[in-house]
């Protein structure tokens, strides 16, 4: 349990150990076995929430990281609030500022547009991995969701086909470079792994918004703080993106035709 909570949230294992110190008095005061276990769980949840939302943010700032907003703030929000609950929403101040600027610019160009962020980094320790990512361990990387059009209304949407932003891809069309297939042929089985475990049924309700997504990439590329951007090669060609900051992430990672990766 300690290892699992630490891998998932960084601080969860430590909070679990602290909560165990309450078990003895709980065992003495709560006679019913069922309520005793519920009380222990409630203590852990309370301690974890207090640490996550009140204690960790100011401590992380001492480490040089800041949390991205828990709810929509200046046209930026987490696609899934579990990202914040699991402490996966921490970035360096420069990256946070650049992201807020881009979110504001997107809303100016496309009124009503909200930028959905995905995984960033944990609040502490540069070498601590943010599983399952190969990087995202220093506060200098951030994943962002694509923009989509709602097929039912034909209008621009701030929703995505995947509840986590990953796993539902805008794959290569006939005649486009198929990096996914090339990586799989080379034996990189993990490259499309998320598409196998994320339900694909909601994909038919959305169309990839190439115009807003291209604008999003170019706005990040225009930020001096941003050094690299990852997106799948076939989308780079399809969208006509020419910035030198856009790179191929390599077959050792996972496919990037379901999200954008930006980094300082």
Protein backbone atom coordinates (compact mmCIF):
# COMPACT_ATOMS: atom_id res chain seq x y z
CA UNK A 1 0.00 0.00 0.00
CA UNK A 2 2.85 2.38 0.84
CA UNK A 3 4.56 1.73 -2.50
CA UNK A 4 1.34 2.00 -4.52
CA UNK A 5 0.29 5.30 -2.93
CA UNK A 6 3.80 6.70 -3.33
CA UNK A 7 3.96 5.76 -7.02
CA UNK A 8 0.51 7.21 -7.70
CA UNK A 9 0.67 10.43 -5.68
CA UNK A 10 4.22 10.85 -4.33
CA UNK A 11 2.99 11.84 -0.86
CA UNK A 12 0.30 9.18 -0.35
CA UNK A 13 2.66 6.59 1.12
CA UNK A 14 3.91 9.00 3.75
CA UNK A 15 0.36 10.05 4.64
CA UNK A 16 -0.59 6.38 4.93
CA UNK A 17 2.21 5.80 7.45
CA UNK A 18 1.08 8.83 9.44
CA UNK A 19 -2.53 7.60 9.41
CA UNK A 20 -1.42 4.26 10.88
CA UNK A 21 -0.48 6.09 14.08
CA UNK A 22 -4.21 6.73 14.56
CA UNK A 23 -5.14 3.05 14.29
CA UNK A 24 -4.45 2.15 17.91
CA UNK A 25 -6.76 4.81 19.43
CA UNK A 26 -9.37 4.00 16.78
CA UNK A 27 -9.24 0.30 17.71
CA UNK A 28 -9.80 1.25 21.35
CA UNK A 29 -12.69 3.63 20.78
CA UNK A 30 -14.60 2.03 17.88
CA UNK A 31 -15.92 -1.43 18.71
CA UNK A 32 -17.71 -2.30 15.48
CA UNK A 33 -15.23 -3.83 13.01
CA UNK A 34 -16.97 -2.35 9.96
CA UNK A 35 -17.07 1.19 11.39
CA UNK A 36 -13.53 0.80 12.64
CA UNK A 37 -12.26 0.23 9.09
CA UNK A 38 -14.36 3.12 7.76
CA UNK A 39 -12.94 5.40 10.45
CA UNK A 40 -9.38 4.45 9.51
CA UNK A 41 -10.16 5.15 5.85
CA UNK A 42 -11.76 8.49 6.73
CA UNK A 43 -8.70 9.51 8.76
CA UNK A 44 -6.43 8.73 5.83
CA UNK A 45 -8.63 10.65 3.38
CA UNK A 46 -8.80 13.70 5.66
CA UNK A 47 -5.05 13.71 6.27
CA UNK A 48 -4.36 13.23 2.58
CA UNK A 49 -6.66 16.07 1.48
CA UNK A 50 -5.24 18.45 4.10
CA UNK A 51 -1.72 17.65 2.94
CA UNK A 52 -2.54 17.83 -0.78
CA UNK A 53 -4.46 21.09 -0.79
CA UNK A 54 -3.09 23.01 2.20
CA UNK A 55 0.41 21.80 3.06
CA UNK A 56 2.01 20.62 -0.19
CA UNK A 57 1.43 23.75 -2.37
CA UNK A 58 3.46 26.17 -0.19
CA UNK A 59 6.16 23.55 0.34
CA UNK A 60 6.35 22.88 -3.40
CA UNK A 61 6.95 26.58 -4.04
CA UNK A 62 10.09 26.28 -1.91
CA UNK A 63 11.08 23.49 -4.29
CA UNK A 64 10.50 25.78 -7.26
CA UNK A 65 7.16 24.34 -8.39
CA UNK A 66 3.63 25.63 -8.41
CA UNK A 67 0.31 23.84 -8.84
CA UNK A 68 -1.75 24.46 -11.93
CA UNK A 69 -5.34 25.49 -11.11
CA UNK A 70 -7.76 22.98 -9.62
CA UNK A 71 -10.69 24.50 -11.52
CA UNK A 72 -11.01 26.80 -14.52
CA UNK A 73 -8.78 29.82 -13.98
CA UNK A 74 -7.94 32.27 -16.77
CA UNK A 75 -9.21 29.78 -19.36
CA UNK A 76 -7.02 26.95 -18.04
CA UNK A 77 -8.28 23.86 -16.20
CA UNK A 78 -7.47 20.21 -15.56
CA UNK A 79 -9.28 17.88 -17.91
CA UNK A 80 -9.71 15.50 -14.98
CA UNK A 81 -9.53 16.70 -11.38
CA UNK A 82 -7.92 13.44 -10.34
CA UNK A 83 -4.77 14.97 -11.84
CA UNK A 84 -4.81 17.50 -9.00
CA UNK A 85 -5.91 15.00 -6.35
CA UNK A 86 -2.94 12.83 -7.27
CA UNK A 87 -0.52 15.79 -7.17
CA UNK A 88 0.35 15.46 -10.86
CA UNK A 89 -0.27 19.15 -11.63
CA UNK A 90 2.98 20.84 -10.55
CA UNK A 91 5.21 22.87 -12.88
CA UNK A 92 7.96 25.45 -12.71
CA UNK A 93 6.70 29.06 -12.50
CA UNK A 94 7.96 29.85 -16.03
CA UNK A 95 5.99 26.98 -17.51
CA UNK A 96 2.88 27.95 -15.59
CA UNK A 97 3.13 31.53 -16.81
CA UNK A 98 3.66 30.48 -20.42
CA UNK A 99 0.66 28.14 -20.23
CA UNK A 100 -1.59 30.85 -18.79
CA UNK A 101 -0.51 33.23 -21.56
CA UNK A 102 -1.32 30.64 -24.23
CA UNK A 103 -4.69 29.86 -22.62
CA UNK A 104 -5.54 33.56 -22.67
CA UNK A 105 -4.47 33.94 -26.30
CA UNK A 106 -6.50 30.89 -27.33
CA UNK A 107 -9.59 32.37 -25.71
CA UNK A 108 -9.04 35.67 -27.50
CA UNK A 109 -8.71 33.97 -30.88
CA UNK A 110 -11.51 31.48 -30.22
CA UNK A 111 -13.88 32.92 -27.59
CA UNK A 112 -15.08 30.32 -25.15
CA UNK A 113 -12.12 28.01 -25.69
CA UNK A 114 -10.64 26.50 -22.53
CA UNK A 115 -7.23 24.86 -22.43
CA UNK A 116 -7.33 21.44 -20.76
CA UNK A 117 -4.09 20.31 -19.16
CA UNK A 118 -3.19 16.69 -18.44
CA UNK A 119 -0.14 15.40 -16.55
CA UNK A 120 2.59 17.78 -15.39
CA UNK A 121 4.93 16.70 -12.54
CA UNK A 122 4.89 15.81 -8.87
CA UNK A 123 5.58 18.61 -6.34
CA UNK A 124 8.97 17.36 -5.07
CA UNK A 125 12.26 15.69 -6.11
CA UNK A 126 13.57 16.08 -9.65
CA UNK A 127 14.42 12.40 -10.09
CA UNK A 128 11.04 11.09 -8.89
CA UNK A 129 9.26 9.51 -11.91
CA UNK A 130 5.69 10.37 -12.84
CA UNK A 131 4.56 6.95 -13.98
CA UNK A 132 4.00 5.92 -16.72
CA UNK A 133 5.91 8.84 -18.28
CA UNK A 134 9.60 8.58 -19.08
CA UNK A 135 10.12 12.22 -18.14
CA UNK A 136 7.77 14.63 -16.31
CA UNK A 137 10.04 14.47 -13.27
CA UNK A 138 11.36 18.03 -13.01
CA UNK A 139 8.41 20.40 -13.33
CA UNK A 140 9.48 21.40 -16.83
CA UNK A 141 7.04 19.28 -18.83
CA UNK A 142 3.30 19.49 -19.37
CA UNK A 143 0.80 17.53 -21.46
CA UNK A 144 -2.24 19.23 -22.97
CA UNK A 145 -5.37 17.89 -24.60
CA UNK A 146 -6.22 18.45 -28.24
CA UNK A 147 -9.21 20.56 -29.21
CA UNK A 148 -12.27 18.88 -30.70
CA UNK A 149 -15.57 19.61 -32.43
CA UNK A 150 -18.74 18.10 -31.01
CA UNK A 151 -20.27 16.00 -33.81
CA UNK A 152 -23.77 16.31 -32.36
CA UNK A 153 -23.82 20.11 -32.50
CA UNK A 154 -21.10 20.79 -35.07
CA UNK A 155 -19.69 23.39 -32.67
CA UNK A 156 -16.28 23.83 -31.07
CA UNK A 157 -16.10 21.91 -27.81
CA UNK A 158 -13.98 22.06 -24.68
CA UNK A 159 -14.62 18.37 -24.03
CA UNK A 160 -12.50 15.46 -25.24
CA UNK A 161 -13.38 11.91 -26.32
CA UNK A 162 -11.11 10.44 -23.62
CA UNK A 163 -11.88 11.18 -19.94
CA UNK A 164 -8.15 11.28 -19.21
CA UNK A 165 -7.06 13.00 -22.45
CA UNK A 166 -4.91 10.05 -23.47
CA UNK A 167 -5.65 6.90 -25.42
CA UNK A 168 -8.02 8.10 -28.17
CA UNK A 169 -5.78 9.08 -31.05
CA UNK A 170 -6.06 11.05 -34.29
CA UNK A 171 -4.29 8.36 -36.27
CA UNK A 172 -2.54 8.69 -39.63
CA UNK A 173 -4.65 8.79 -42.76
CA UNK A 174 -3.91 6.84 -45.93
CA UNK A 175 -0.72 8.19 -47.43
CA UNK A 176 0.48 9.85 -44.22
CA UNK A 177 3.62 8.74 -42.42
CA UNK A 178 2.71 5.99 -39.96
CA UNK A 179 5.18 6.33 -37.10
CA UNK A 180 2.98 4.19 -34.89
CA UNK A 181 3.32 1.18 -37.18
CA UNK A 182 7.03 1.78 -37.63
CA UNK A 183 7.60 1.81 -33.88
CA UNK A 184 5.54 -1.33 -33.36
CA UNK A 185 7.51 -3.13 -36.06
CA UNK A 186 10.69 -2.22 -34.19
CA UNK A 187 9.31 -3.94 -31.10
CA UNK A 188 8.15 -0.94 -29.06
CA UNK A 189 4.97 -2.61 -27.82
CA UNK A 190 4.13 0.21 -25.38
CA UNK A 191 3.84 2.83 -28.11
CA UNK A 192 0.09 2.31 -28.62
CA UNK A 193 -0.64 0.64 -25.29
CA UNK A 194 -3.07 3.31 -24.06
CA UNK A 195 -5.29 2.89 -27.13
CA UNK A 196 -5.76 -0.74 -26.06
CA UNK A 197 -6.98 0.04 -22.54
CA UNK A 198 -8.91 3.32 -22.97
CA UNK A 199 -12.49 2.72 -24.24
CA UNK A 200 -12.87 4.01 -27.80
CA UNK A 201 -16.65 4.28 -27.97
CA UNK A 202 -16.79 8.04 -27.43
CA UNK A 203 -14.52 8.77 -30.39
CA UNK A 204 -17.45 8.88 -32.84
CA UNK A 205 -18.89 11.87 -30.97
CA UNK A 206 -15.92 14.12 -31.69
CA UNK A 207 -13.89 15.38 -34.62
CA UNK A 208 -10.30 16.52 -34.21
CA UNK A 209 -10.23 20.34 -34.38
CA UNK A 210 -7.19 20.87 -36.58
CA UNK A 211 -7.53 24.66 -36.67
CA UNK A 212 -7.54 25.28 -32.92
CA UNK A 213 -4.97 22.55 -32.23
CA UNK A 214 -2.58 24.02 -34.80
CA UNK A 215 -3.04 27.45 -33.24
CA UNK A 216 -2.34 25.96 -29.82
CA UNK A 217 0.96 24.45 -30.97
CA UNK A 218 2.06 27.66 -32.66
CA UNK A 219 1.18 29.77 -29.62
CA UNK A 220 3.34 27.57 -27.41
CA UNK A 221 6.12 27.68 -29.99
CA UNK A 222 6.00 31.49 -29.85
CA UNK A 223 6.72 31.43 -26.11
CA UNK A 224 10.41 32.03 -25.43
CA UNK A 225 10.27 29.80 -22.35
CA UNK A 226 9.23 26.76 -24.41
CA UNK A 227 12.10 24.74 -25.80
CA UNK A 228 10.47 21.57 -27.16
CA UNK A 229 7.05 20.41 -28.30
CA UNK A 230 6.14 16.80 -29.04
CA UNK A 231 3.39 15.78 -31.42
CA UNK A 232 3.09 12.82 -33.79
CA UNK A 233 4.93 13.38 -37.12
CA UNK A 234 1.86 12.80 -39.30
CA UNK A 235 0.00 15.57 -37.46
CA UNK A 236 2.93 17.94 -37.84
CA UNK A 237 2.76 17.45 -41.60
CA UNK A 238 -1.04 17.49 -41.79
CA UNK A 239 -1.32 20.71 -39.79
CA UNK A 240 1.52 22.39 -41.66
CA UNK A 241 3.48 23.20 -38.50
CA UNK A 242 7.00 24.36 -39.28
CA UNK A 243 8.44 25.47 -35.96
CA UNK A 244 11.87 24.01 -35.16
CA UNK A 245 10.72 23.48 -31.56
CA UNK A 246 8.51 20.61 -32.65
CA UNK A 247 10.41 17.32 -32.28
CA UNK A 248 9.80 13.60 -32.52
CA UNK A 249 9.67 12.05 -29.05
CA UNK A 250 11.08 8.68 -30.11
CA UNK A 251 9.66 5.17 -30.18
CA UNK A 252 10.63 4.60 -26.55
CA UNK A 253 7.80 6.89 -25.43
CA UNK A 254 4.10 6.60 -26.34
CA UNK A 255 2.29 8.01 -29.34
CA UNK A 256 1.52 11.72 -29.33
CA UNK A 257 -1.48 11.90 -31.63
CA UNK A 258 -3.80 12.14 -28.63
CA UNK A 259 -2.11 15.01 -26.79
CA UNK A 260 0.57 17.70 -26.98
CA UNK A 261 3.69 17.70 -24.84
CA UNK A 262 5.46 21.01 -24.13
CA UNK A 263 8.57 21.62 -22.06
CA UNK A 264 10.97 24.35 -21.00
